[in-house]
N, C-alpha and C. Protein backbone atom coordinates (compact mmCIF):
# COMPACT_ATOMS: atom_id res chain seq x y z
N UNK A 1 47.36 72.60 89.70
CA UNK A 1 48.71 73.00 89.99
C UNK A 1 48.72 73.77 91.30
N UNK A 2 49.71 73.46 92.20
CA UNK A 2 49.74 74.17 93.48
C UNK A 2 50.14 75.62 93.29
N UNK A 3 49.63 76.42 94.15
CA UNK A 3 49.90 77.86 94.09
C UNK A 3 51.21 78.17 94.82
N UNK A 4 52.08 78.97 94.21
CA UNK A 4 53.37 79.33 94.80
C UNK A 4 53.16 80.57 95.65
N UNK A 5 53.60 80.49 96.90
CA UNK A 5 53.47 81.63 97.81
C UNK A 5 54.86 82.05 98.28
N UNK A 6 55.04 83.30 98.46
CA UNK A 6 56.31 83.82 98.97
C UNK A 6 56.38 83.58 100.47
N UNK A 7 57.51 83.06 100.90
CA UNK A 7 57.70 82.83 102.32
C UNK A 7 58.52 83.99 102.86
N UNK A 8 58.01 84.65 103.89
CA UNK A 8 58.69 85.79 104.47
C UNK A 8 59.40 85.34 105.74
N UNK A 9 60.70 85.64 105.80
CA UNK A 9 61.50 85.30 106.98
C UNK A 9 61.66 86.53 107.85
N UNK A 10 61.85 86.29 109.14
CA UNK A 10 62.16 87.38 110.04
C UNK A 10 63.58 87.85 109.77
N UNK A 11 63.81 89.11 109.94
CA UNK A 11 65.15 89.66 109.75
C UNK A 11 66.09 89.08 110.80
N UNK A 12 67.26 88.63 110.35
CA UNK A 12 68.25 88.09 111.29
C UNK A 12 69.31 89.14 111.59
N UNK A 13 69.95 88.96 112.71
CA UNK A 13 71.02 89.88 113.09
C UNK A 13 72.28 89.46 112.35
N UNK A 14 72.88 90.39 111.62
CA UNK A 14 74.10 90.09 110.87
C UNK A 14 75.29 90.06 111.82
N UNK A 15 76.17 89.13 111.59
CA UNK A 15 77.36 89.01 112.42
C UNK A 15 78.60 89.44 111.63
N UNK A 16 78.51 90.56 110.96
CA UNK A 16 79.63 91.05 110.17
C UNK A 16 80.68 91.69 111.06
N UNK A 17 81.93 91.46 110.74
CA UNK A 17 83.04 92.08 111.46
C UNK A 17 83.54 93.24 110.61
N UNK A 18 83.06 94.44 110.91
CA UNK A 18 83.43 95.61 110.12
C UNK A 18 84.83 96.12 110.46
N UNK A 19 85.39 95.63 111.52
CA UNK A 19 86.74 96.02 111.91
C UNK A 19 87.80 95.21 111.13
N UNK A 20 87.38 94.15 110.45
CA UNK A 20 88.29 93.25 109.74
C UNK A 20 89.16 93.98 108.71
N UNK A 21 88.56 94.83 107.90
CA UNK A 21 89.31 95.53 106.85
C UNK A 21 89.96 96.81 107.35
N UNK A 22 89.42 97.38 108.42
CA UNK A 22 89.95 98.64 108.93
C UNK A 22 91.25 98.45 109.71
N UNK A 23 91.35 97.36 110.44
CA UNK A 23 92.51 97.14 111.29
C UNK A 23 93.23 95.88 110.85
N UNK A 24 94.33 96.03 110.11
CA UNK A 24 95.07 94.86 109.64
C UNK A 24 96.47 94.79 110.24
N UNK A 25 96.66 95.39 111.40
CA UNK A 25 97.99 95.39 112.03
C UNK A 25 98.45 93.99 112.43
N UNK A 26 97.56 93.13 112.82
CA UNK A 26 97.96 91.81 113.28
C UNK A 26 98.01 90.76 112.19
N UNK A 27 97.83 91.13 110.95
CA UNK A 27 97.72 90.15 109.88
C UNK A 27 99.06 89.59 109.43
N UNK A 28 100.15 90.30 109.62
CA UNK A 28 101.45 89.86 109.13
C UNK A 28 102.42 89.65 110.27
N UNK A 29 102.04 88.88 111.25
CA UNK A 29 102.86 88.70 112.43
C UNK A 29 104.18 88.02 112.14
N UNK A 30 104.23 87.09 111.20
CA UNK A 30 105.45 86.34 110.96
C UNK A 30 106.59 87.23 110.50
N UNK A 31 106.30 88.35 109.87
CA UNK A 31 107.34 89.24 109.42
C UNK A 31 107.90 90.08 110.56
N UNK A 32 107.22 90.12 111.68
CA UNK A 32 107.67 90.94 112.80
C UNK A 32 108.43 90.11 113.84
N UNK A 33 108.72 88.87 113.56
CA UNK A 33 109.38 88.01 114.51
C UNK A 33 110.88 87.97 114.24
N UNK A 34 111.63 87.65 115.28
CA UNK A 34 113.06 87.43 115.13
C UNK A 34 113.20 86.07 114.46
N UNK A 35 113.52 86.09 113.16
CA UNK A 35 113.47 84.84 112.41
C UNK A 35 114.42 84.84 111.23
N UNK A 36 114.67 83.62 110.74
CA UNK A 36 115.34 83.42 109.46
C UNK A 36 114.26 82.86 108.54
N UNK A 37 114.13 83.46 107.36
CA UNK A 37 113.10 83.06 106.40
C UNK A 37 113.79 82.36 105.23
N UNK A 38 113.29 81.18 104.87
CA UNK A 38 113.87 80.39 103.79
C UNK A 38 112.85 80.24 102.67
N UNK A 39 113.27 80.53 101.45
CA UNK A 39 112.46 80.26 100.27
C UNK A 39 113.31 79.43 99.30
N UNK A 40 112.78 79.15 98.13
CA UNK A 40 113.55 78.39 97.14
C UNK A 40 114.64 79.22 96.48
N UNK A 41 114.60 80.55 96.65
CA UNK A 41 115.59 81.40 95.98
C UNK A 41 116.51 82.17 96.92
N UNK A 42 116.20 82.24 98.20
CA UNK A 42 117.08 82.96 99.13
C UNK A 42 116.81 82.56 100.57
N UNK A 43 117.78 82.91 101.43
CA UNK A 43 117.65 82.79 102.88
C UNK A 43 117.90 84.19 103.41
N UNK A 44 116.99 84.70 104.23
CA UNK A 44 117.17 86.07 104.73
C UNK A 44 116.94 86.13 106.23
N UNK A 45 117.52 87.17 106.81
CA UNK A 45 117.37 87.48 108.22
C UNK A 45 116.29 88.54 108.34
N UNK A 46 115.33 88.34 109.24
CA UNK A 46 114.27 89.33 109.40
C UNK A 46 114.84 90.61 110.00
N UNK A 47 114.21 91.73 109.72
CA UNK A 47 114.67 93.02 110.23
C UNK A 47 114.63 93.09 111.76
N UNK A 48 113.59 92.55 112.44
CA UNK A 48 113.64 92.54 113.90
C UNK A 48 114.84 91.75 114.44
N UNK A 49 115.24 90.69 113.74
CA UNK A 49 116.42 89.94 114.16
C UNK A 49 117.68 90.78 114.00
N UNK A 50 117.78 91.49 112.90
CA UNK A 50 118.94 92.37 112.66
C UNK A 50 118.99 93.47 113.71
N UNK A 51 117.83 94.02 114.06
CA UNK A 51 117.78 95.07 115.09
C UNK A 51 118.13 94.50 116.48
N UNK A 52 117.76 93.25 116.72
CA UNK A 52 118.07 92.61 118.00
C UNK A 52 119.59 92.51 118.20
N UNK A 53 120.33 92.37 117.09
CA UNK A 53 121.79 92.36 117.14
C UNK A 53 122.35 93.77 117.23
N UNK A 54 121.48 94.76 117.28
CA UNK A 54 121.82 96.18 117.32
C UNK A 54 122.42 96.65 116.00
N UNK A 55 121.94 96.08 114.89
CA UNK A 55 122.31 96.52 113.55
C UNK A 55 123.80 96.59 113.29
N UNK A 56 124.53 95.48 113.44
CA UNK A 56 125.97 95.55 113.21
C UNK A 56 126.30 95.81 111.75
N UNK A 57 127.47 96.42 111.51
CA UNK A 57 127.89 96.67 110.14
C UNK A 57 128.22 95.35 109.44
N UNK A 58 128.81 94.42 110.19
CA UNK A 58 129.14 93.10 109.67
C UNK A 58 128.59 92.05 110.63
N UNK A 59 128.19 90.90 110.08
CA UNK A 59 127.81 89.78 110.93
C UNK A 59 128.20 88.49 110.24
N UNK A 60 128.28 87.43 111.05
CA UNK A 60 128.64 86.13 110.50
C UNK A 60 127.56 85.13 110.87
N UNK A 61 127.41 84.11 110.01
CA UNK A 61 126.38 83.10 110.20
C UNK A 61 127.05 81.74 110.18
N UNK A 62 126.75 80.94 111.21
CA UNK A 62 127.29 79.58 111.28
C UNK A 62 126.18 78.59 111.56
N UNK A 63 126.46 77.31 111.31
CA UNK A 63 125.45 76.29 111.54
C UNK A 63 126.07 75.07 112.22
N UNK A 64 125.33 74.50 113.16
CA UNK A 64 125.68 73.23 113.77
C UNK A 64 124.68 72.22 113.21
N UNK A 65 125.12 71.43 112.24
CA UNK A 65 124.21 70.53 111.52
C UNK A 65 123.67 69.44 112.43
N UNK A 66 124.52 68.92 113.33
CA UNK A 66 124.08 67.82 114.21
C UNK A 66 122.97 68.25 115.16
N UNK A 67 123.08 69.45 115.73
CA UNK A 67 122.07 69.95 116.67
C UNK A 67 121.00 70.79 116.00
N UNK A 68 121.13 71.03 114.70
CA UNK A 68 120.19 71.84 113.91
C UNK A 68 119.99 73.23 114.52
N UNK A 69 121.10 73.96 114.67
CA UNK A 69 121.10 75.31 115.21
C UNK A 69 121.88 76.21 114.28
N UNK A 70 121.32 77.38 113.97
CA UNK A 70 122.00 78.41 113.19
C UNK A 70 122.33 79.55 114.14
N UNK A 71 123.56 80.06 114.06
CA UNK A 71 124.01 81.15 114.92
C UNK A 71 124.33 82.37 114.05
N UNK A 72 123.80 83.51 114.43
CA UNK A 72 124.10 84.78 113.77
C UNK A 72 124.72 85.69 114.83
N UNK A 73 125.94 86.18 114.56
CA UNK A 73 126.66 86.98 115.54
C UNK A 73 127.31 88.18 114.87
N UNK A 74 127.46 89.29 115.61
CA UNK A 74 128.19 90.43 115.07
C UNK A 74 129.64 90.03 114.78
N UNK A 75 130.25 90.68 113.78
CA UNK A 75 131.61 90.34 113.41
C UNK A 75 132.40 91.59 113.05
N UNK A 76 133.69 91.44 112.97
CA UNK A 76 134.57 92.52 112.51
C UNK A 76 134.83 92.34 111.02
N UNK A 77 135.19 93.42 110.37
CA UNK A 77 135.42 93.38 108.92
C UNK A 77 136.61 92.48 108.57
N UNK A 78 137.54 92.31 109.49
CA UNK A 78 138.73 91.52 109.21
C UNK A 78 138.52 90.02 109.36
N UNK A 79 137.41 89.60 109.96
CA UNK A 79 137.13 88.18 110.14
C UNK A 79 136.73 87.53 108.82
N UNK A 80 137.02 86.22 108.66
CA UNK A 80 136.61 85.53 107.43
C UNK A 80 135.11 85.23 107.43
N UNK A 81 134.55 85.11 106.25
CA UNK A 81 133.15 84.72 106.04
C UNK A 81 132.14 85.66 106.70
N UNK A 82 132.34 86.96 106.57
CA UNK A 82 131.38 87.91 107.15
C UNK A 82 130.41 88.39 106.06
N UNK A 83 129.26 88.85 106.50
CA UNK A 83 128.23 89.39 105.61
C UNK A 83 128.04 90.85 105.96
N UNK A 84 128.04 91.71 104.94
CA UNK A 84 127.80 93.12 105.16
C UNK A 84 126.51 93.50 104.43
N UNK A 85 125.44 93.81 105.17
CA UNK A 85 124.21 94.21 104.50
C UNK A 85 124.38 95.56 103.81
N UNK A 86 123.84 95.67 102.61
CA UNK A 86 123.93 96.92 101.88
C UNK A 86 122.86 97.89 102.37
N UNK A 87 123.02 99.14 102.03
CA UNK A 87 122.03 100.16 102.41
C UNK A 87 120.68 99.85 101.78
N UNK A 88 120.69 99.32 100.56
CA UNK A 88 119.43 98.98 99.87
C UNK A 88 118.73 97.84 100.60
N UNK A 89 119.48 96.84 101.06
CA UNK A 89 118.88 95.74 101.81
C UNK A 89 118.24 96.23 103.10
N UNK A 90 118.93 97.11 103.82
CA UNK A 90 118.39 97.64 105.07
C UNK A 90 117.15 98.48 104.79
N UNK A 91 117.19 99.27 103.73
CA UNK A 91 116.05 100.11 103.35
C UNK A 91 114.84 99.26 102.98
N UNK A 92 115.07 98.12 102.32
CA UNK A 92 113.98 97.24 101.89
C UNK A 92 113.62 96.19 102.93
N UNK A 93 114.25 96.25 104.12
CA UNK A 93 114.00 95.29 105.20
C UNK A 93 114.26 93.85 104.77
N UNK A 94 115.29 93.65 103.95
CA UNK A 94 115.62 92.33 103.45
C UNK A 94 117.12 92.12 103.57
N UNK A 95 117.55 91.45 104.62
CA UNK A 95 118.97 91.18 104.84
C UNK A 95 119.24 89.75 104.36
N UNK A 96 119.83 89.62 103.18
CA UNK A 96 120.09 88.30 102.61
C UNK A 96 121.27 87.63 103.29
N UNK A 97 121.09 86.36 103.65
CA UNK A 97 122.18 85.55 104.17
C UNK A 97 122.82 84.80 103.03
N UNK A 98 121.99 84.22 102.16
CA UNK A 98 122.53 83.47 101.03
C UNK A 98 121.48 83.39 99.91
N UNK A 99 121.99 83.38 98.68
CA UNK A 99 121.14 83.13 97.52
C UNK A 99 121.63 81.90 96.76
N UNK A 100 122.57 81.19 97.37
CA UNK A 100 123.18 80.01 96.75
C UNK A 100 122.20 78.84 96.75
N UNK A 101 121.96 78.28 95.57
CA UNK A 101 121.03 77.16 95.44
C UNK A 101 121.53 75.93 96.20
N UNK A 102 122.85 75.71 96.20
CA UNK A 102 123.39 74.53 96.89
C UNK A 102 123.21 74.65 98.40
N UNK A 103 123.38 75.85 98.95
CA UNK A 103 123.19 76.06 100.38
C UNK A 103 121.72 75.86 100.74
N UNK A 104 120.83 76.43 99.95
CA UNK A 104 119.38 76.30 100.20
C UNK A 104 118.96 74.84 100.11
N UNK A 105 119.45 74.13 99.09
CA UNK A 105 119.10 72.72 98.91
C UNK A 105 119.59 71.89 100.10
N UNK A 106 120.81 72.15 100.56
CA UNK A 106 121.36 71.41 101.70
C UNK A 106 120.53 71.66 102.97
N UNK A 107 120.13 72.93 103.21
CA UNK A 107 119.29 73.23 104.38
C UNK A 107 117.94 72.56 104.29
N UNK A 108 117.37 72.49 103.08
CA UNK A 108 116.08 71.83 102.91
C UNK A 108 116.21 70.32 103.14
N UNK A 109 117.35 69.74 102.76
CA UNK A 109 117.59 68.32 103.02
C UNK A 109 117.69 68.05 104.52
N UNK A 110 118.29 68.98 105.25
CA UNK A 110 118.42 68.84 106.70
C UNK A 110 117.04 68.95 107.35
N UNK A 111 116.13 69.72 106.73
CA UNK A 111 114.77 69.84 107.26
C UNK A 111 114.44 71.19 107.84
N UNK A 112 115.05 72.25 107.33
CA UNK A 112 114.74 73.58 107.84
C UNK A 112 113.34 74.00 107.41
N UNK A 113 112.52 74.52 108.33
CA UNK A 113 111.19 75.00 107.94
C UNK A 113 111.30 76.36 107.25
N UNK A 114 110.18 76.85 106.76
CA UNK A 114 110.17 78.12 106.03
C UNK A 114 110.56 79.29 106.94
N UNK A 115 110.07 79.30 108.17
CA UNK A 115 110.40 80.36 109.12
C UNK A 115 110.94 79.71 110.40
N UNK A 116 112.14 80.13 110.80
CA UNK A 116 112.76 79.62 112.02
C UNK A 116 112.90 80.78 112.98
N UNK A 117 112.22 80.70 114.12
CA UNK A 117 112.31 81.77 115.11
C UNK A 117 113.54 81.56 115.99
N UNK A 118 114.08 82.68 116.48
CA UNK A 118 115.30 82.61 117.26
C UNK A 118 115.25 83.42 118.53
N UNK A 119 116.33 83.26 119.33
CA UNK A 119 116.45 83.97 120.60
C UNK A 119 117.84 84.57 120.69
N UNK A 120 117.94 85.67 121.43
CA UNK A 120 119.22 86.32 121.67
C UNK A 120 119.86 85.71 122.92
N UNK A 121 121.07 85.13 122.73
CA UNK A 121 121.80 84.52 123.83
C UNK A 121 123.24 85.02 123.76
N UNK A 122 123.68 85.76 124.77
CA UNK A 122 125.05 86.28 124.84
C UNK A 122 125.44 87.04 123.57
N UNK A 123 124.63 87.98 123.15
CA UNK A 123 124.86 88.82 121.97
C UNK A 123 124.93 88.02 120.66
N UNK A 124 124.41 86.82 120.65
CA UNK A 124 124.31 86.00 119.43
C UNK A 124 122.85 85.55 119.29
N UNK A 125 122.38 85.53 118.06
CA UNK A 125 121.04 84.99 117.80
C UNK A 125 121.17 83.52 117.49
N UNK A 126 120.38 82.69 118.19
CA UNK A 126 120.38 81.27 117.95
C UNK A 126 119.02 80.85 117.41
N UNK A 127 119.04 80.14 116.28
CA UNK A 127 117.82 79.68 115.62
C UNK A 127 117.85 78.16 115.60
N UNK A 128 116.97 77.53 116.40
CA UNK A 128 116.91 76.06 116.46
C UNK A 128 115.74 75.58 115.62
N UNK A 129 116.02 74.59 114.77
CA UNK A 129 114.95 74.03 113.92
C UNK A 129 114.94 72.53 113.99
């Protein structure tokens, strides 16, 4: 029977990244973007997007289905179809646009992705998808 011998290897240099767990500031970039986030249960405006509008008390949301563009603009309380974020929504960094299943289903049929980034143009946020 052959004799079993232990094979000794030279020590290798470890390539561990010890900064990985200490610094996680860049891990959640998508939440810091000016965006509309779509899930199966709600559509929300990101907090950086709300701040880009300078935190209006009321805002309105419209869509151009043919060009696949969503527009978010500041509004007056007297205008029709306005959204007023509650203090709890602002505190939780969650500004809901809609929780309607039919609206979400229609947007998914059109082909809206999960996160749509936008730009500020003439005091209106435009989100093209």
